Amino acid sequence: MRAGQVAEVKCAAEVQEACPDALTQEARHQCLERRMSKLSAPCQAIAQKRMVRWKEDEAYKVACAEDVKRVCQGLDAGAGNLLACLQTHEQDLSLGCYQTLPKGQVQVRN
């Protein structure tokens, strides 16, 4: 294992210890925001980078709220269903929503 991978594994163990009851990704992020100072400095740096990426990846939920009501109404939002719905209906989305969808996971828009 490379040093970076070892640091990631150690950090994952620290996060599990700091937030043992956080079963979902969202719950883990909320717990980390509250308990970040309890992590070692190297783990804090890793966790901060992950939090930034997570917030960037989740930005589409805010930007697409109206589009979701319009094209994905009544859908169970779990397990990636919401993103899949938005991708399926990408031609019907507002530009602001479309631009915030995670990159590399969206089909080319005509």
PDB file of N, CA and C in Angstrom:
ATOM      1  N   MET A   1       0.836  -1.182   0.000  1.00  0.00           N
ATOM      2  CA  MET A   1       0.000   0.000   0.000  1.00  0.00           C
ATOM      3  C   MET A   1       0.883   1.250   0.000  1.00  0.00           C
ATOM      4  N   ARG A   2       0.471   2.238  -0.740  1.00  0.00           N
ATOM      5  CA  ARG A   2       1.186   3.511  -0.741  1.00  0.00           C
ATOM      6  C   ARG A   2       0.847   4.294   0.521  1.00  0.00           C
ATOM      7  N   ALA A   3       1.687   5.298   0.818  1.00  0.00           N
ATOM      8  CA  ALA A   3       1.492   6.108   2.027  1.00  0.00           C
ATOM      9  C   ALA A   3       0.127   6.794   2.029  1.00  0.00           C
ATOM     10  N   GLY A   4      -0.302   7.290   0.876  1.00  0.00           N
ATOM     11  CA  GLY A   4      -1.610   7.947   0.778  1.00  0.00           C
ATOM     12  C   GLY A   4      -2.746   6.998   1.099  1.00  0.00           C
ATOM     13  N   GLN A   5      -2.627   5.758   0.627  1.00  0.00           N
ATOM     14  CA  GLN A   5      -3.663   4.764   0.901  1.00  0.00           C
ATOM     15  C   GLN A   5      -3.688   4.397   2.377  1.00  0.00           C
ATOM     16  N   VAL A   6      -2.511   4.293   2.974  1.00  0.00           N
ATOM     17  CA  VAL A   6      -2.429   3.992   4.411  1.00  0.00           C
ATOM     18  C   VAL A   6      -3.105   5.109   5.207  1.00  0.00           C
ATOM     19  N   ALA A   7      -2.825   6.363   4.837  1.00  0.00           N
ATOM     20  CA  ALA A   7      -3.445   7.507   5.520  1.00  0.00           C
ATOM     21  C   ALA A   7      -4.957   7.466   5.369  1.00  0.00           C
ATOM     22  N   GLU A   8      -5.444   7.108   4.186  1.00  0.00           N
ATOM     23  CA  GLU A   8      -6.897   7.014   3.946  1.00  0.00           C
ATOM     24  C   GLU A   8      -7.527   5.948   4.850  1.00  0.00           C
ATOM     25  N   VAL A   9      -6.877   4.796   4.950  1.00  0.00           N
ATOM     26  CA  VAL A   9      -7.395   3.697   5.769  1.00  0.00           C
ATOM     27  C   VAL A   9      -7.414   4.101   7.245  1.00  0.00           C
ATOM     28  N   LYS A  10      -6.320   4.715   7.705  1.00  0.00           N
ATOM     29  CA  LYS A  10      -6.265   5.170   9.100  1.00  0.00           C
ATOM     30  C   LYS A  10      -7.347   6.213   9.369  1.00  0.00           C
ATOM     31  N   CYS A  11      -7.539   7.109   8.411  1.00  0.00           N
ATOM     32  CA  CYS A  11      -8.559   8.148   8.575  1.00  0.00           C
ATOM     33  C   CYS A  11      -9.957   7.537   8.610  1.00  0.00           C
ATOM     34  N   ALA A  12     -10.203   6.566   7.747  1.00  0.00           N
ATOM     35  CA  ALA A  12     -11.513   5.900   7.748  1.00  0.00           C
ATOM     36  C   ALA A  12     -11.787   5.283   9.114  1.00  0.00           C
ATOM     37  N   ALA A  13     -10.765   4.711   9.743  1.00  0.00           N
ATOM     38  CA  ALA A  13     -10.930   4.133  11.080  1.00  0.00           C
ATOM     39  C   ALA A  13     -11.218   5.219  12.110  1.00  0.00           C
ATOM     40  N   GLU A  14     -10.542   6.363  11.991  1.00  0.00           N
ATOM     41  CA  GLU A  14     -10.796   7.481  12.909  1.00  0.00           C
ATOM     42  C   GLU A  14     -12.224   7.990  12.758  1.00  0.00           C
ATOM     43  N   VAL A  15     -12.669   8.106  11.516  1.00  0.00           N
ATOM     44  CA  VAL A  15     -14.026   8.589  11.258  1.00  0.00           C
ATOM     45  C   VAL A  15     -15.038   7.607  11.841  1.00  0.00           C
ATOM     46  N   GLN A  16     -14.801   6.317  11.654  1.00  0.00           N
ATOM     47  CA  GLN A  16     -15.702   5.302  12.203  1.00  0.00           C
ATOM     48  C   GLN A  16     -15.759   5.395  13.726  1.00  0.00           C
ATOM     49  N   GLU A  17     -14.613   5.652  14.345  1.00  0.00           N
ATOM     50  CA  GLU A  17     -14.567   5.783  15.800  1.00  0.00           C
ATOM     51  C   GLU A  17     -15.283   7.056  16.266  1.00  0.00           C
ATOM     52  N   ALA A  18     -15.116   8.146  15.524  1.00  0.00           N
ATOM     53  CA  ALA A  18     -15.730   9.423  15.904  1.00  0.00           C
ATOM     54  C   ALA A  18     -17.236   9.429  15.644  1.00  0.00           C
ATOM     55  N   CYS A  19     -17.669   8.686  14.638  1.00  0.00           N
ATOM     56  CA  CYS A  19     -19.086   8.700  14.232  1.00  0.00           C
ATOM     57  C   CYS A  19     -19.611   7.275  14.046  1.00  0.00           C
ATOM     58  N   PRO A  20     -19.612   6.455  15.102  1.00  0.00           N
ATOM     59  CA  PRO A  20     -19.995   5.045  14.943  1.00  0.00           C
ATOM     60  C   PRO A  20     -21.455   4.830  14.563  1.00  0.00           C
ATOM     61  N   ASP A  21     -22.313   5.772  14.895  1.00  0.00           N
ATOM     62  CA  ASP A  21     -23.741   5.596  14.619  1.00  0.00           C
ATOM     63  C   ASP A  21     -24.182   6.205  13.292  1.00  0.00           C
ATOM     64  N   ALA A  22     -23.264   6.839  12.564  1.00  0.00           N
ATOM     65  CA  ALA A  22     -23.599   7.476  11.288  1.00  0.00           C
ATOM     66  C   ALA A  22     -23.578   6.414  10.198  1.00  0.00           C
ATOM     67  N   LEU A  23     -24.753   5.943   9.824  1.00  0.00           N
ATOM     68  CA  LEU A  23     -24.841   4.831   8.880  1.00  0.00           C
ATOM     69  C   LEU A  23     -24.921   5.276   7.421  1.00  0.00           C
ATOM     70  N   THR A  24     -25.408   6.481   7.177  1.00  0.00           N
ATOM     71  CA  THR A  24     -25.497   6.959   5.799  1.00  0.00           C
ATOM     72  C   THR A  24     -24.392   7.980   5.549  1.00  0.00           C
ATOM     73  N   GLN A  25     -24.119   8.215   4.287  1.00  0.00           N
ATOM     74  CA  GLN A  25     -23.091   9.195   3.934  1.00  0.00           C
ATOM     75  C   GLN A  25     -23.454  10.578   4.467  1.00  0.00           C
ATOM     76  N   GLU A  26     -24.710  10.953   4.343  1.00  0.00           N
ATOM     77  CA  GLU A  26     -25.137  12.269   4.826  1.00  0.00           C
ATOM     78  C   GLU A  26     -24.980  12.378   6.347  1.00  0.00           C
ATOM     79  N   ALA A  27     -25.362  11.340   7.066  1.00  0.00           N
ATOM     80  CA  ALA A  27     -25.216  11.351   8.527  1.00  0.00           C
ATOM     81  C   ALA A  27     -23.745  11.427   8.925  1.00  0.00           C
ATOM     82  N   ARG A  28     -22.894  10.733   8.172  1.00  0.00           N
ATOM     83  CA  ARG A  28     -21.454  10.768   8.448  1.00  0.00           C
ATOM     84  C   ARG A  28     -20.895  12.163   8.233  1.00  0.00           C
ATOM     85  N   HIS A  29     -21.331  12.835   7.173  1.00  0.00           N
ATOM     86  CA  HIS A  29     -20.857  14.193   6.915  1.00  0.00           C
ATOM     87  C   HIS A  29     -21.331  15.164   7.996  1.00  0.00           C
ATOM     88  N   GLN A  30     -22.567  15.025   8.428  1.00  0.00           N
ATOM     89  CA  GLN A  30     -23.070  15.895   9.488  1.00  0.00           C
ATOM     90  C   GLN A  30     -22.298  15.659  10.780  1.00  0.00           C
ATOM     91  N   CYS A  31     -22.018  14.411  11.091  1.00  0.00           N
ATOM     92  CA  CYS A  31     -21.248  14.082  12.289  1.00  0.00           C
ATOM     93  C   CYS A  31     -19.839  14.651  12.184  1.00  0.00           C
ATOM     94  N   LEU A  32     -19.206  14.501  11.030  1.00  0.00           N
ATOM     95  CA  LEU A  32     -17.850  15.016  10.851  1.00  0.00           C
ATOM     96  C   LEU A  32     -17.787  16.530  11.007  1.00  0.00           C
ATOM     97  N   GLU A  33     -18.806  17.223  10.533  1.00  0.00           N
ATOM     98  CA  GLU A  33     -18.825  18.680  10.698  1.00  0.00           C
ATOM     99  C   GLU A  33     -18.809  19.054  12.179  1.00  0.00           C
ATOM    100  N   ARG A  34     -19.468  18.259  12.995  1.00  0.00           N
ATOM    101  CA  ARG A  34     -19.521  18.533  14.434  1.00  0.00           C
ATOM    102  C   ARG A  34     -18.253  18.064  15.162  1.00  0.00           C
ATOM    103  N   ARG A  35     -17.647  16.992  14.683  1.00  0.00           N
ATOM    104  CA  ARG A  35     -16.546  16.365  15.432  1.00  0.00           C
ATOM    105  C   ARG A  35     -15.197  16.419  14.714  1.00  0.00           C
ATOM    106  N   MET A  36     -15.057  17.288  13.743  1.00  0.00           N
ATOM    107  CA  MET A  36     -13.821  17.378  12.958  1.00  0.00           C
ATOM    108  C   MET A  36     -12.603  17.575  13.850  1.00  0.00           C
ATOM    109  N   SER A  37     -12.734  18.377  14.890  1.00  0.00           N
ATOM    110  CA  SER A  37     -11.589  18.691  15.760  1.00  0.00           C
ATOM    111  C   SER A  37     -11.083  17.477  16.535  1.00  0.00           C
ATOM    112  N   LYS A  38     -11.864  16.422  16.619  1.00  0.00           N
ATOM    113  CA  LYS A  38     -11.447  15.213  17.333  1.00  0.00           C
ATOM    114  C   LYS A  38     -10.538  14.324  16.480  1.00  0.00           C
ATOM    115  N   LEU A  39     -10.457  14.601  15.181  1.00  0.00           N
ATOM    116  CA  LEU A  39      -9.630  13.802  14.289  1.00  0.00           C
ATOM    117  C   LEU A  39      -8.192  14.305  14.309  1.00  0.00           C
ATOM    118  N   SER A  40      -7.259  13.428  13.953  1.00  0.00           N
ATOM    119  CA  SER A  40      -5.859  13.839  13.843  1.00  0.00           C
ATOM    120  C   SER A  40      -5.724  14.858  12.708  1.00  0.00           C
ATOM    121  N   ALA A  41      -4.661  15.635  12.738  1.00  0.00           N
ATOM    122  CA  ALA A  41      -4.451  16.659  11.702  1.00  0.00           C
ATOM    123  C   ALA A  41      -4.433  16.068  10.296  1.00  0.00           C
ATOM    124  N   PRO A  42      -3.712  14.941  10.047  1.00  0.00           N
ATOM    125  CA  PRO A  42      -3.737  14.376   8.695  1.00  0.00           C
ATOM    126  C   PRO A  42      -5.144  13.934   8.281  1.00  0.00           C
ATOM    127  N   CYS A  43      -5.887  13.384   9.207  1.00  0.00           N
ATOM    128  CA  CYS A  43      -7.244  12.939   8.896  1.00  0.00           C
ATOM    129  C   CYS A  43      -8.171  14.135   8.675  1.00  0.00           C
ATOM    130  N   GLN A  44      -7.974  15.201   9.423  1.00  0.00           N
ATOM    131  CA  GLN A  44      -8.778  16.410   9.200  1.00  0.00           C
ATOM    132  C   GLN A  44      -8.591  16.913   7.773  1.00  0.00           C
ATOM    133  N   ALA A  45      -7.353  16.895   7.280  1.00  0.00           N
ATOM    134  CA  ALA A  45      -7.088  17.352   5.913  1.00  0.00           C
ATOM    135  C   ALA A  45      -7.795  16.460   4.899  1.00  0.00           C
ATOM    136  N   ILE A  46      -7.733  15.150   5.102  1.00  0.00           N
ATOM    137  CA  ILE A  46      -8.410  14.205   4.199  1.00  0.00           C
ATOM    138  C   ILE A  46      -9.911  14.416   4.262  1.00  0.00           C
ATOM    139  N   ALA A  47     -10.456  14.534   5.460  1.00  0.00           N
ATOM    140  CA  ALA A  47     -11.896  14.704   5.635  1.00  0.00           C
ATOM    141  C   ALA A  47     -12.379  16.021   5.024  1.00  0.00           C
ATOM    142  N   GLN A  48     -11.599  17.093   5.171  1.00  0.00           N
ATOM    143  CA  GLN A  48     -11.975  18.386   4.586  1.00  0.00           C
ATOM    144  C   GLN A  48     -12.080  18.278   3.068  1.00  0.00           C
ATOM    145  N   LYS A  49     -11.112  17.617   2.440  1.00  0.00           N
ATOM    146  CA  LYS A  49     -11.150  17.441   0.980  1.00  0.00           C
ATOM    147  C   LYS A  49     -12.377  16.654   0.562  1.00  0.00           C
ATOM    148  N   ARG A  50     -12.677  15.611   1.312  1.00  0.00           N
ATOM    149  CA  ARG A  50     -13.869  14.805   0.998  1.00  0.00           C
ATOM    150  C   ARG A  50     -15.142  15.621   1.157  1.00  0.00           C
ATOM    151  N   MET A  51     -15.200  16.438   2.213  1.00  0.00           N
ATOM    152  CA  MET A  51     -16.390  17.257   2.447  1.00  0.00           C
ATOM    153  C   MET A  51     -16.602  18.243   1.304  1.00  0.00           C
ATOM    154  N   VAL A  52     -15.529  18.851   0.819  1.00  0.00           N
ATOM    155  CA  VAL A  52     -15.638  19.796  -0.298  1.00  0.00           C
ATOM    156  C   VAL A  52     -16.169  19.075  -1.533  1.00  0.00           C
ATOM    157  N   ARG A  53     -15.591  17.903  -1.834  1.00  0.00           N
ATOM    158  CA  ARG A  53     -16.055  17.133  -2.996  1.00  0.00           C
ATOM    159  C   ARG A  53     -17.517  16.733  -2.830  1.00  0.00           C
ATOM    160  N   TRP A  54     -17.891  16.299  -1.628  1.00  0.00           N
ATOM    161  CA  TRP A  54     -19.267  15.881  -1.384  1.00  0.00           C
ATOM    162  C   TRP A  54     -20.224  17.047  -1.593  1.00  0.00           C
ATOM    163  N   LYS A  55     -19.879  18.215  -1.060  1.00  0.00           N
ATOM    164  CA  LYS A  55     -20.753  19.379  -1.214  1.00  0.00           C
ATOM    165  C   LYS A  55     -20.870  19.792  -2.675  1.00  0.00           C
ATOM    166  N   GLU A  56     -19.766  19.704  -3.420  1.00  0.00           N
ATOM    167  CA  GLU A  56     -19.820  20.011  -4.849  1.00  0.00           C
ATOM    168  C   GLU A  56     -20.708  19.008  -5.579  1.00  0.00           C
ATOM    169  N   ASP A  57     -20.556  17.720  -5.236  1.00  0.00           N
ATOM    170  CA  ASP A  57     -21.357  16.680  -5.875  1.00  0.00           C
ATOM    171  C   ASP A  57     -22.839  16.794  -5.520  1.00  0.00           C
ATOM    172  N   GLU A  58     -23.141  17.287  -4.331  1.00  0.00           N
ATOM    173  CA  GLU A  58     -24.522  17.388  -3.877  1.00  0.00           C
ATOM    174  C   GLU A  58     -25.190  18.711  -4.255  1.00  0.00           C
ATOM    175  N   ALA A  59     -24.448  19.637  -4.838  1.00  0.00           N
ATOM    176  CA  ALA A  59     -24.992  20.950  -5.187  1.00  0.00           C
ATOM    177  C   ALA A  59     -26.172  20.840  -6.141  1.00  0.00           C
ATOM    178  N   TYR A  60     -26.193  19.804  -6.955  1.00  0.00           N
ATOM    179  CA  TYR A  60     -27.287  19.662  -7.913  1.00  0.00           C
ATOM    180  C   TYR A  60     -28.639  19.525  -7.223  1.00  0.00           C
ATOM    181  N   LYS A  61     -28.673  18.995  -6.003  1.00  0.00           N
ATOM    182  CA  LYS A  61     -29.954  18.820  -5.317  1.00  0.00           C
ATOM    183  C   LYS A  61     -30.617  20.155  -5.035  1.00  0.00           C
ATOM    184  N   VAL A  62     -29.830  21.158  -4.703  1.00  0.00           N
ATOM    185  CA  VAL A  62     -30.371  22.495  -4.454  1.00  0.00           C
ATOM    186  C   VAL A  62     -30.764  23.149  -5.782  1.00  0.00           C
ATOM    187  N   ALA A  63     -29.859  23.102  -6.745  1.00  0.00           N
ATOM    188  CA  ALA A  63     -30.090  23.760  -8.034  1.00  0.00           C
ATOM    189  C   ALA A  63     -31.218  23.101  -8.817  1.00  0.00           C
ATOM    190  N   CYS A  64     -31.489  21.847  -8.543  1.00  0.00           N
ATOM    191  CA  CYS A  64     -32.479  21.105  -9.325  1.00  0.00           C
ATOM    192  C   CYS A  64     -33.811  20.900  -8.594  1.00  0.00           C
ATOM    193  N   ALA A  65     -34.010  21.561  -7.472  1.00  0.00           N
ATOM    194  CA  ALA A  65     -35.214  21.326  -6.669  1.00  0.00           C
ATOM    195  C   ALA A  65     -36.498  21.487  -7.481  1.00  0.00           C
ATOM    196  N   GLU A  66     -36.587  22.557  -8.254  1.00  0.00           N
ATOM    197  CA  GLU A  66     -37.795  22.777  -9.069  1.00  0.00           C
ATOM    198  C   GLU A  66     -37.910  21.746 -10.194  1.00  0.00           C
ATOM    199  N   ASP A  67     -36.786  21.395 -10.793  1.00  0.00           N
ATOM    200  CA  ASP A  67     -36.788  20.391 -11.862  1.00  0.00           C
ATOM    201  C   ASP A  67     -37.237  19.031 -11.318  1.00  0.00           C
ATOM    202  N   VAL A  68     -36.801  18.699 -10.117  1.00  0.00           N
ATOM    203  CA  VAL A  68     -37.189  17.436  -9.485  1.00  0.00           C
ATOM    204  C   VAL A  68     -38.700  17.398  -9.305  1.00  0.00           C
ATOM    205  N   LYS A  69     -39.271  18.501  -8.824  1.00  0.00           N
ATOM    206  CA  LYS A  69     -40.730  18.561  -8.643  1.00  0.00           C
ATOM    207  C   LYS A  69     -41.452  18.365  -9.969  1.00  0.00           C
ATOM    208  N   ARG A  70     -40.855  18.876 -11.024  1.00  0.00           N
ATOM    209  CA  ARG A  70     -41.497  18.836 -12.340  1.00  0.00           C
ATOM    210  C   ARG A  70     -41.320  17.489 -13.041  1.00  0.00           C
ATOM    211  N   VAL A  71     -40.106  16.922 -13.040  1.00  0.00           N
ATOM    212  CA  VAL A  71     -39.867  15.728 -13.857  1.00  0.00           C
ATOM    213  C   VAL A  71     -39.660  14.436 -13.065  1.00  0.00           C
ATOM    214  N   CYS A  72     -39.433  14.534 -11.761  1.00  0.00           N
ATOM    215  CA  CYS A  72     -39.174  13.333 -10.956  1.00  0.00           C
ATOM    216  C   CYS A  72     -40.110  13.255  -9.751  1.00  0.00           C
ATOM    217  N   GLN A  73     -41.276  13.841  -9.870  1.00  0.00           N
ATOM    218  CA  GLN A  73     -42.230  13.903  -8.771  1.00  0.00           C
ATOM    219  C   GLN A  73     -42.600  12.509  -8.274  1.00  0.00           C
ATOM    220  N   GLY A  74     -42.605  12.336  -6.953  1.00  0.00           N
ATOM    221  CA  GLY A  74     -43.021  11.080  -6.342  1.00  0.00           C
ATOM    222  C   GLY A  74     -41.957   9.994  -6.338  1.00  0.00           C
ATOM    223  N   LEU A  75     -40.772  10.301  -6.812  1.00  0.00           N
ATOM    224  CA  LEU A  75     -39.702   9.318  -6.890  1.00  0.00           C
ATOM    225  C   LEU A  75     -39.013   9.162  -5.536  1.00  0.00           C
ATOM    226  N   ASP A  76     -38.693   7.938  -5.160  1.00  0.00           N
ATOM    227  CA  ASP A  76     -37.881   7.695  -3.964  1.00  0.00           C
ATOM    228  C   ASP A  76     -36.477   8.188  -4.284  1.00  0.00           C
ATOM    229  N   ALA A  77     -35.989   9.175  -3.523  1.00  0.00           N
ATOM    230  CA  ALA A  77     -34.720   9.825  -3.834  1.00  0.00           C
ATOM    231  C   ALA A  77     -33.499   9.007  -3.437  1.00  0.00           C
ATOM    232  N   GLY A  78     -33.672   7.893  -2.781  1.00  0.00           N
ATOM    233  CA  GLY A  78     -32.535   7.106  -2.326  1.00  0.00           C
ATOM    234  C   GLY A  78     -31.842   6.333  -3.428  1.00  0.00           C
ATOM    235  N   ALA A  79     -30.673   5.815  -3.103  1.00  0.00           N
ATOM    236  CA  ALA A  79     -29.888   4.912  -3.960  1.00  0.00           C
ATOM    237  C   ALA A  79     -29.586   5.480  -5.337  1.00  0.00           C
ATOM    238  N   GLY A  80     -29.428   6.787  -5.439  1.00  0.00           N
ATOM    239  CA  GLY A  80     -29.063   7.382  -6.720  1.00  0.00           C
ATOM    240  C   GLY A  80     -30.218   7.548  -7.686  1.00  0.00           C
ATOM    241  N   ASN A  81     -31.434   7.271  -7.227  1.00  0.00           N
ATOM    242  CA  ASN A  81     -32.594   7.363  -8.109  1.00  0.00           C
ATOM    243  C   ASN A  81     -32.825   8.782  -8.619  1.00  0.00           C
ATOM    244  N   LEU A  82     -32.598   9.756  -7.753  1.00  0.00           N
ATOM    245  CA  LEU A  82     -32.828  11.150  -8.124  1.00  0.00           C
ATOM    246  C   LEU A  82     -31.889  11.574  -9.253  1.00  0.00           C
ATOM    247  N   LEU A  83     -30.612  11.276  -9.100  1.00  0.00           N
ATOM    248  CA  LEU A  83     -29.642  11.618 -10.135  1.00  0.00           C
ATOM    249  C   LEU A  83     -29.965  10.893 -11.434  1.00  0.00           C
ATOM    250  N   ALA A  84     -30.308   9.629 -11.340  1.00  0.00           N
ATOM    251  CA  ALA A  84     -30.652   8.857 -12.540  1.00  0.00           C
ATOM    252  C   ALA A  84     -31.863   9.456 -13.245  1.00  0.00           C
ATOM    253  N   CYS A  85     -32.858   9.883 -12.476  1.00  0.00           N
ATOM    254  CA  CYS A  85     -34.047  10.511 -13.063  1.00  0.00           C
ATOM    255  C   CYS A  85     -33.665  11.792 -13.789  1.00  0.00           C
ATOM    256  N   LEU A  86     -32.869  12.624 -13.133  1.00  0.00           N
ATOM    257  CA  LEU A  86     -32.455  13.884 -13.757  1.00  0.00           C
ATOM    258  C   LEU A  86     -31.664  13.625 -15.033  1.00  0.00           C
ATOM    259  N   GLN A  87     -30.795  12.628 -15.012  1.00  0.00           N
ATOM    260  CA  GLN A  87     -30.024  12.308 -16.206  1.00  0.00           C
ATOM    261  C   GLN A  87     -30.927  11.810 -17.326  1.00  0.00           C
ATOM    262  N   THR A  88     -31.928  11.028 -16.970  1.00  0.00           N
ATOM    263  CA  THR A  88     -32.861  10.516 -17.968  1.00  0.00           C
ATOM    264  C   THR A  88     -33.637  11.646 -18.627  1.00  0.00           C
ATOM    265  N   HIS A  89     -33.949  12.685 -17.855  1.00  0.00           N
ATOM    266  CA  HIS A  89     -34.743  13.815 -18.346  1.00  0.00           C
ATOM    267  C   HIS A  89     -33.901  15.058 -18.615  1.00  0.00           C
ATOM    268  N   GLU A  90     -32.621  14.864 -18.905  1.00  0.00           N
ATOM    269  CA  GLU A  90     -31.720  16.009 -19.029  1.00  0.00           C
ATOM    270  C   GLU A  90     -32.169  17.032 -20.067  1.00  0.00           C
ATOM    271  N   GLN A  91     -32.867  16.617 -21.101  1.00  0.00           N
ATOM    272  CA  GLN A  91     -33.339  17.554 -22.121  1.00  0.00           C
ATOM    273  C   GLN A  91     -34.427  18.482 -21.590  1.00  0.00           C
ATOM    274  N   ASP A  92     -35.067  18.075 -20.483  1.00  0.00           N
ATOM    275  CA  ASP A  92     -36.162  18.847 -19.904  1.00  0.00           C
ATOM    276  C   ASP A  92     -35.740  19.708 -18.714  1.00  0.00           C
ATOM    277  N   LEU A  93     -34.449  19.700 -18.367  1.00  0.00           N
ATOM    278  CA  LEU A  93     -33.974  20.408 -17.178  1.00  0.00           C
ATOM    279  C   LEU A  93     -33.653  21.860 -17.471  1.00  0.00           C
ATOM    280  N   SER A  94     -33.736  22.666 -16.429  1.00  0.00           N
ATOM    281  CA  SER A  94     -33.295  24.050 -16.550  1.00  0.00           C
ATOM    282  C   SER A  94     -31.777  24.044 -16.730  1.00  0.00           C
ATOM    283  N   LEU A  95     -31.260  25.084 -17.321  1.00  0.00           N
ATOM    284  CA  LEU A  95     -29.822  25.162 -17.557  1.00  0.00           C
ATOM    285  C   LEU A  95     -29.050  25.144 -16.244  1.00  0.00           C
ATOM    286  N   GLY A  96     -29.543  25.869 -15.233  1.00  0.00           N
ATOM    287  CA  GLY A  96     -28.870  25.909 -13.932  1.00  0.00           C
ATOM    288  C   GLY A  96     -28.764  24.534 -13.306  1.00  0.00           C
ATOM    289  N   CYS A  97     -29.807  23.752 -13.415  1.00  0.00           N
ATOM    290  CA  CYS A  97     -29.790  22.389 -12.892  1.00  0.00           C
ATOM    291  C   CYS A  97     -28.813  21.540 -13.684  1.00  0.00           C
ATOM    292  N   TYR A  98     -28.939  21.566 -14.969  1.00  0.00           N
ATOM    293  CA  TYR A  98     -28.089  20.749 -15.831  1.00  0.00           C
ATOM    294  C   TYR A  98     -26.604  21.013 -15.563  1.00  0.00           C
ATOM    295  N   GLN A  99     -26.250  22.268 -15.376  1.00  0.00           N
ATOM    296  CA  GLN A  99     -24.842  22.629 -15.189  1.00  0.00           C
ATOM    297  C   GLN A  99     -24.270  22.136 -13.863  1.00  0.00           C
ATOM    298  N   THR A 100     -25.116  21.848 -12.884  1.00  0.00           N
ATOM    299  CA  THR A 100     -24.615  21.391 -11.589  1.00  0.00           C
ATOM    300  C   THR A 100     -24.574  19.876 -11.452  1.00  0.00           C
ATOM    301  N   LEU A 101     -25.101  19.162 -12.422  1.00  0.00           N
ATOM    302  CA  LEU A 101     -25.060  17.703 -12.327  1.00  0.00           C
ATOM    303  C   LEU A 101     -23.610  17.233 -12.300  1.00  0.00           C
ATOM    304  N   PRO A 102     -23.322  16.176 -11.525  1.00  0.00           N
ATOM    305  CA  PRO A 102     -21.947  15.662 -11.455  1.00  0.00           C
ATOM    306  C   PRO A 102     -21.393  15.379 -12.837  1.00  0.00           C
ATOM    307  N   LYS A 103     -20.188  15.824 -13.077  1.00  0.00           N
ATOM    308  CA  LYS A 103     -19.543  15.658 -14.379  1.00  0.00           C
ATOM    309  C   LYS A 103     -19.081  14.226 -14.564  1.00  0.00           C
ATOM    310  N   GLY A 104     -19.050  13.808 -15.806  1.00  0.00           N
ATOM    311  CA  GLY A 104     -18.593  12.470 -16.116  1.00  0.00           C
ATOM    312  C   GLY A 104     -19.653  11.407 -15.915  1.00  0.00           C
ATOM    313  N   GLN A 105     -20.830  11.828 -15.467  1.00  0.00           N
ATOM    314  CA  GLN A 105     -21.903  10.870 -15.245  1.00  0.00           C
ATOM    315  C   GLN A 105     -23.140  11.211 -16.059  1.00  0.00           C
ATOM    316  N   VAL A 106     -23.037  12.263 -16.822  1.00  0.00           N
ATOM    317  CA  VAL A 106     -24.183  12.755 -17.561  1.00  0.00           C
ATOM    318  C   VAL A 106     -23.949  12.541 -19.042  1.00  0.00           C
ATOM    319  N   GLN A 107     -24.997  12.105 -19.736  1.00  0.00           N
ATOM    320  CA  GLN A 107     -24.890  11.956 -21.172  1.00  0.00           C
ATOM    321  C   GLN A 107     -24.716  13.317 -21.811  1.00  0.00           C
ATOM    322  N   VAL A 108     -24.183  13.348 -23.029  1.00  0.00           N
ATOM    323  CA  VAL A 108     -23.996  14.622 -23.742  1.00  0.00           C
ATOM    324  C   VAL A 108     -25.355  15.202 -24.074  1.00  0.00           C
ATOM    325  N   ARG A 109     -25.510  16.480 -23.770  1.00  0.00           N
ATOM    326  CA  ARG A 109     -26.762  17.180 -24.029  1.00  0.00           C
ATOM    327  C   ARG A 109     -26.745  17.732 -25.431  1.00  0.00           C
ATOM    328  N   ASN A 110     -27.789  17.494 -26.193  1.00  0.00           N
ATOM    329  CA  ASN A 110     -27.881  18.000 -27.574  1.00  0.00           C
ATOM    330  C   ASN A 110     -28.271  19.443 -27.592  1.00  0.00           C
TER     331      ASN A 110
END
